[in-house]
Protein backbone atom coordinates (compact mmCIF):
# COMPACT_ATOMS: atom_id res chain seq x y z
CA UNK A 1 -60.08 49.24 59.92
CA UNK A 2 -62.38 51.79 61.46
CA UNK A 3 -60.04 54.53 60.59
CA UNK A 4 -60.17 53.54 57.01
CA UNK A 5 -63.90 53.63 56.98
CA UNK A 6 -63.93 56.96 58.76
CA UNK A 7 -61.53 58.44 56.26
CA UNK A 8 -63.45 57.14 53.23
CA UNK A 9 -64.44 59.90 50.87
CA UNK A 10 -66.83 59.07 48.05
CA UNK A 11 -65.59 61.99 45.93
CA UNK A 12 -61.99 60.90 46.25
CA UNK A 13 -63.06 57.37 45.43
CA UNK A 14 -64.87 58.54 42.30
CA UNK A 15 -61.90 60.65 41.19
CA UNK A 16 -59.51 57.78 41.77
CA UNK A 17 -61.83 55.41 39.89
CA UNK A 18 -62.07 57.82 36.96
CA UNK A 19 -58.29 58.27 36.97
CA UNK A 20 -57.80 54.49 37.06
CA UNK A 21 -60.26 54.01 34.18
CA UNK A 22 -58.58 56.85 32.28
CA UNK A 23 -55.18 55.27 32.90
CA UNK A 24 -56.44 51.88 31.74
CA UNK A 25 -57.99 53.48 28.66
CA UNK A 26 -54.74 55.32 27.85
CA UNK A 27 -52.76 52.16 28.43
CA UNK A 28 -55.06 50.21 26.13
CA UNK A 29 -55.08 52.97 23.54
CA UNK A 30 -51.37 53.81 23.41
CA UNK A 31 -49.24 51.30 25.33
CA UNK A 32 -51.05 47.99 25.02
CA UNK A 33 -50.36 47.43 21.28
CA UNK A 34 -46.65 48.31 21.47
CA UNK A 35 -46.25 46.11 24.56
CA UNK A 36 -48.08 43.22 22.85
CA UNK A 37 -46.15 43.72 19.60
CA UNK A 38 -42.83 43.80 21.47
CA UNK A 39 -43.89 40.64 23.36
CA UNK A 40 -44.87 39.03 20.04
CA UNK A 41 -41.57 40.12 18.47
CA UNK A 42 -39.69 38.71 21.43
CA UNK A 43 -41.67 35.46 21.24
CA UNK A 44 -40.99 35.25 17.48
CA UNK A 45 -37.31 35.99 18.09
CA UNK A 46 -37.11 33.29 20.73
CA UNK A 47 -38.97 30.86 18.44
CA UNK A 48 -36.65 31.80 15.55
CA UNK A 49 -33.63 31.23 17.77
CA UNK A 50 -35.05 27.86 18.86
CA UNK A 51 -35.72 26.94 15.20
CA UNK A 52 -32.21 28.07 14.22
CA UNK A 53 -30.75 26.03 17.08
CA UNK A 54 -32.74 22.97 15.99
CA UNK A 55 -31.63 23.51 12.40
CA UNK A 56 -28.02 23.90 13.52
CA UNK A 57 -28.35 20.73 15.61
CA UNK A 58 -29.67 18.81 12.58
CA UNK A 59 -26.90 20.23 10.40
CA UNK A 60 -24.33 19.20 13.02
CA UNK A 61 -25.82 15.71 13.10
CA UNK A 62 -25.66 15.61 9.27
CA UNK A 63 -22.08 16.90 9.32
CA UNK A 64 -21.11 14.29 11.90
CA UNK A 65 -22.73 11.58 9.78
CA UNK A 66 -20.92 12.92 6.69
CA UNK A 67 -17.65 13.08 8.62
CA UNK A 68 -18.13 9.52 9.85
CA UNK A 69 -18.95 8.36 6.30
CA UNK A 70 -15.89 10.17 4.91
CA UNK A 71 -13.75 8.68 7.66
CA UNK A 72 -15.03 5.19 6.82
CA UNK A 73 -14.36 5.80 3.11
CA UNK A 74 -10.86 7.03 3.94
CA UNK A 75 -10.23 3.95 6.07
CA UNK A 76 -11.47 1.66 3.28
CA UNK A 77 -9.33 3.50 0.75
CA UNK A 78 -6.31 3.26 3.05
CA UNK A 79 -6.89 -0.48 3.52
CA UNK A 80 -7.27 -0.91 -0.25
CA UNK A 81 -4.06 1.01 -0.88
CA UNK A 82 -2.19 -1.04 1.73
CA UNK A 83 -3.53 -4.26 0.22
CA UNK A 84 -2.51 -3.15 -3.28
CA UNK A 85 0.92 -2.13 -2.00
CA UNK A 86 1.38 -5.54 -0.37
CA UNK A 87 0.31 -7.31 -3.55
CA UNK A 88 2.66 -5.13 -5.60
CA UNK A 89 5.49 -5.86 -3.15
CA UNK A 90 4.84 -9.60 -3.34
CA UNK A 91 4.66 -9.43 -7.12
CA UNK A 92 7.92 -7.48 -7.31
CA UNK A 93 9.60 -9.96 -4.95
CA UNK A 94 8.31 -12.90 -6.99
CA UNK A 95 9.52 -11.27 -10.22
CA UNK A 96 12.90 -10.51 -8.65
CA UNK A 97 13.19 -14.11 -7.44
CA UNK A 98 12.24 -15.41 -10.89
CA UNK A 99 14.76 -13.08 -12.55
CA UNK A 100 17.42 -14.12 -10.06
CA UNK A 101 16.64 -17.79 -10.72
CA UNK A 102 16.88 -17.23 -14.48
CA UNK A 103 20.17 -15.39 -14.07
CA UNK A 104 21.48 -18.08 -11.73
CA UNK A 105 20.51 -20.79 -14.22
CA UNK A 106 22.19 -18.82 -17.02
CA UNK A 107 25.34 -18.40 -14.96
CA UNK A 108 25.30 -22.09 -14.01
CA UNK A 109 24.82 -23.09 -17.66
CA UNK A 110 27.65 -20.81 -18.74
CA UNK A 111 29.87 -22.15 -15.97
CA UNK A 112 29.07 -25.74 -16.95
CA UNK A 113 29.84 -24.91 -20.59
CA UNK A 114 33.12 -23.26 -19.56
CA UNK A 115 33.99 -26.25 -17.38
CA UNK A 116 33.17 -28.63 -20.25
CA UNK A 117 35.30 -26.55 -22.62
CA UNK A 118 38.18 -26.50 -20.15
CA UNK A 119 37.77 -30.25 -19.65
CA UNK A 120 37.89 -30.88 -23.40
CA UNK A 121 40.89 -28.61 -23.75
CA UNK A 122 42.63 -30.42 -20.88
CA UNK A 123 41.78 -33.81 -22.44
CA UNK A 124 43.09 -32.65 -25.81
CA UNK A 125 46.27 -31.37 -24.20
CA UNK A 126 46.62 -34.62 -22.23
CA UNK A 127 46.09 -36.67 -25.41
CA UNK A 128 48.68 -34.53 -27.17
CA UNK A 129 51.19 -35.14 -24.38
CA UNK A 130 50.40 -38.86 -24.27
CA UNK A 131 50.79 -39.07 -28.06
CA UNK A 132 54.09 -37.22 -27.89
CA UNK A 133 55.34 -39.46 -25.08
CA UNK A 134 54.12 -42.54 -26.96
CA UNK A 135 56.04 -41.46 -30.05
CA UNK A 136 59.18 -40.84 -28.04
CA UNK A 137 58.86 -44.24 -26.34
CA UNK A 138 58.12 -45.97 -29.66
CA UNK A 139 61.06 -44.25 -31.26
CA UNK A 140 63.37 -45.38 -28.46
CA UNK A 141 61.99 -48.91 -28.59
CA UNK A 142 62.32 -49.09 -32.38
CA UNK A 143 65.87 -47.77 -32.27
CA UNK A 144 66.69 -50.28 -29.66
CA UNK A 145 65.02 -53.07 -31.65
CA UNK A 146 66.51 -52.05 -34.96
CA UNK A 147 70.01 -51.58 -33.64
CA UNK A 148 70.66 -55.25 -34.00
CA UNK A 149 70.38 -57.06 -37.39
CA UNK A 150 68.91 -60.21 -35.91
CA UNK A 151 66.26 -58.30 -34.14
CA UNK A 152 65.43 -56.43 -37.36
CA UNK A 153 64.86 -59.67 -39.22
CA UNK A 154 62.75 -61.08 -36.43
CA UNK A 155 60.60 -57.98 -36.39
CA UNK A 156 60.05 -58.08 -40.16
CA UNK A 157 59.10 -61.72 -40.06
CA UNK A 158 56.71 -61.31 -37.17
CA UNK A 159 55.06 -58.41 -38.92
CA UNK A 160 54.73 -60.38 -42.10
CA UNK A 161 53.30 -63.29 -40.18
CA UNK A 162 50.69 -61.05 -38.59
CA UNK A 163 49.77 -59.39 -41.83
CA UNK A 164 47.24 -61.31 -43.82
CA UNK A 165 47.27 -61.23 -47.55
CA UNK A 166 44.07 -60.89 -49.43
């Protein structure tokens, strides 16, 4: 430290002080405002970026909420469509069953009518055959009965006895 004190020069100190004050003055005069303005611009830029980031974050939150809402609406619409499709399917099945039942009843009714018609036709044909056979039998019996004169007279008398006169 003694060497520093021995080497101290008041003139050099004064010149250095003046130079320092001149440098400070020049810095304040010419460099201080641009440095402060660039610092302010940088601070404003950083604040703007922070504000933009906050705004983007809020917009993302809003978009996520909108997306969630749209997704819920889509799910509800899908469920509604599925429910309507099921109801339509059940309605179509019920209508098809009802139509099938009506057609089955119609077919059954037609079949019963056809069976009844066939039955009547068979009965008529059977009656016709029975009548024909009865006539043939009666004819044979009458020939046999009328072949003999005694039998003819007996038949006439029995018929007259059965007949009542008014």
